[in-house]
Amino acid sequence: MAKQKKQKFEGIVFSTDSNFEYDYELDEIIETLPPKQQKLRVLLDKKSRKGKIVTLVEGFVGADEDLQNLAKALKQKCGVGGSAKDGEILIQGDFKQKIFELLKNLDYQVKLVGG
């Protein structure tokens, strides 16, 4: 299936006003909070993953680029794969305690969730 193009001018078909300018909605630029203000939660999950255990880091507030950089650093330290999107970092495997300690060393406010 071909991708559908997102229409730029929602609701505007034609204007007879010669001075009309369409107001574009500007994407909000999210400021990344400093590590001491971030409240991250580290937990294990295996739901919807065919029984495989993953470590989740939730609660990141900031730009997607900063989230990707933090995820890359955590994946390198653990030596495994993973992904990052929507303020959530997914690390393959059970690295709950190791990630907790790594984030603590980077001055993040971290909380362990679950048993």
Protein backbone atom coordinates (compact mmCIF):
# COMPACT_ATOMS: atom_id res chain seq x y z
CA MET A 1 0.00 0.00 0.00
CA ALA A 2 1.20 3.48 -0.81
CA LYS A 3 1.66 5.98 1.99
CA GLN A 4 -1.00 8.62 2.18
CA LYS A 5 0.21 12.20 2.15
CA LYS A 6 -0.85 14.23 5.15
CA GLN A 7 -2.84 17.22 4.00
CA LYS A 8 -1.22 20.52 4.96
CA PHE A 9 -4.30 22.70 4.68
CA GLU A 10 -6.85 20.98 6.87
CA GLY A 11 -10.31 22.44 6.33
CA ILE A 12 -9.22 25.11 3.81
CA VAL A 13 -10.14 24.40 0.21
CA PHE A 14 -10.09 27.82 -1.41
CA SER A 15 -9.94 31.43 -0.30
CA THR A 16 -10.90 34.52 -2.29
CA ASP A 17 -9.00 36.80 0.07
CA SER A 18 -5.82 37.93 -1.67
CA ASN A 19 -4.09 38.55 1.68
CA PHE A 20 -4.95 35.14 3.16
CA GLU A 21 -2.10 33.27 4.81
CA TYR A 22 -2.61 29.84 6.24
CA ASP A 23 -1.47 29.47 9.87
CA TYR A 24 0.77 26.43 10.13
CA GLU A 25 0.73 24.61 13.40
CA LEU A 26 4.29 24.61 14.61
CA ASP A 27 5.47 21.43 16.28
CA GLU A 28 6.27 22.09 19.91
CA ILE A 29 9.93 21.74 20.73
CA ILE A 30 10.20 19.74 23.93
CA GLU A 31 12.95 20.86 26.26
CA THR A 32 14.91 18.04 27.83
CA LEU A 33 14.89 18.24 31.60
CA PRO A 34 18.25 17.98 33.36
CA PRO A 35 19.01 14.54 34.83
CA LYS A 36 18.31 15.63 38.42
CA GLN A 37 14.74 16.60 37.43
CA GLN A 38 14.01 13.42 35.46
CA LYS A 39 11.93 10.85 37.35
CA LEU A 40 12.60 7.52 35.68
CA ARG A 41 11.10 4.13 36.50
CA VAL A 42 12.94 0.89 35.76
CA LEU A 43 10.88 -2.29 35.45
CA LEU A 44 10.84 -5.73 33.86
CA ASP A 45 8.19 -6.69 31.32
CA LYS A 46 7.34 -9.74 29.23
CA LYS A 47 3.78 -8.99 28.13
CA SER A 48 3.21 -9.11 24.36
CA ARG A 49 6.81 -10.23 23.85
CA LYS A 50 6.36 -14.01 23.42
CA GLY A 51 7.67 -14.65 26.94
CA LYS A 52 10.94 -12.77 26.44
CA ILE A 53 11.96 -10.50 29.30
CA VAL A 54 12.85 -6.88 28.60
CA THR A 55 13.88 -4.03 30.87
CA LEU A 56 11.86 -0.85 30.45
CA VAL A 57 12.90 2.66 31.45
CA GLU A 58 9.83 4.89 31.56
CA GLY A 59 9.20 8.56 32.29
CA PHE A 60 11.85 10.30 30.19
CA VAL A 61 10.83 13.89 29.42
CA GLY A 62 12.67 15.57 26.58
CA ALA A 63 13.70 15.60 22.96
CA ASP A 64 13.71 12.36 21.00
CA GLU A 65 17.39 12.84 20.15
CA ASP A 66 18.33 12.92 23.85
CA LEU A 67 16.22 9.82 24.48
CA GLN A 68 18.02 8.02 21.65
CA ASN A 69 21.43 9.04 23.05
CA LEU A 70 20.56 7.76 26.54
CA ALA A 71 19.22 4.50 25.08
CA LYS A 72 22.38 4.04 23.03
CA ALA A 73 24.57 4.51 26.11
CA LEU A 74 22.53 2.01 28.14
CA LYS A 75 22.55 -0.56 25.33
CA GLN A 76 26.32 -0.24 24.97
CA LYS A 77 26.92 -0.63 28.72
CA CYS A 78 24.71 -3.75 28.82
CA GLY A 79 25.99 -5.14 25.51
CA VAL A 80 22.51 -5.87 24.16
CA GLY A 81 19.95 -4.49 21.73
CA GLY A 82 16.87 -2.42 22.33
CA SER A 83 14.90 0.58 21.18
CA ALA A 84 13.63 3.96 22.33
CA LYS A 85 10.45 5.84 21.50
CA ASP A 86 7.67 7.82 23.17
CA GLY A 87 9.68 8.53 26.32
CA GLU A 88 10.38 4.85 26.88
CA ILE A 89 13.60 2.86 26.53
CA LEU A 90 13.42 -0.89 25.95
CA ILE A 91 16.51 -3.01 26.68
CA GLN A 92 16.48 -6.69 25.75
CA GLY A 93 17.04 -8.97 28.74
CA ASP A 94 16.97 -8.68 32.52
CA PHE A 95 19.26 -5.73 33.32
CA LYS A 96 17.05 -4.02 35.90
CA GLN A 97 19.67 -3.59 38.63
CA LYS A 98 22.52 -2.71 36.26
CA ILE A 99 20.46 -0.02 34.49
CA PHE A 100 19.31 1.33 37.86
CA GLU A 101 22.93 1.76 38.96
CA LEU A 102 24.01 3.27 35.61
CA LEU A 103 21.21 5.85 35.72
CA LYS A 104 21.99 6.65 39.38
CA ASN A 105 25.62 7.31 38.39
CA LEU A 106 24.38 9.69 35.68
CA ASP A 107 22.47 11.66 38.39
CA TYR A 108 18.96 10.63 37.27
CA GLN A 109 16.20 10.17 39.85
CA VAL A 110 15.49 6.46 39.44
CA LYS A 111 12.93 4.19 41.03
CA LEU A 112 12.72 0.40 40.76
CA VAL A 113 9.20 -0.83 39.99
CA GLY A 114 7.99 -4.40 40.61
CA GLY A 115 9.44 -7.26 42.60
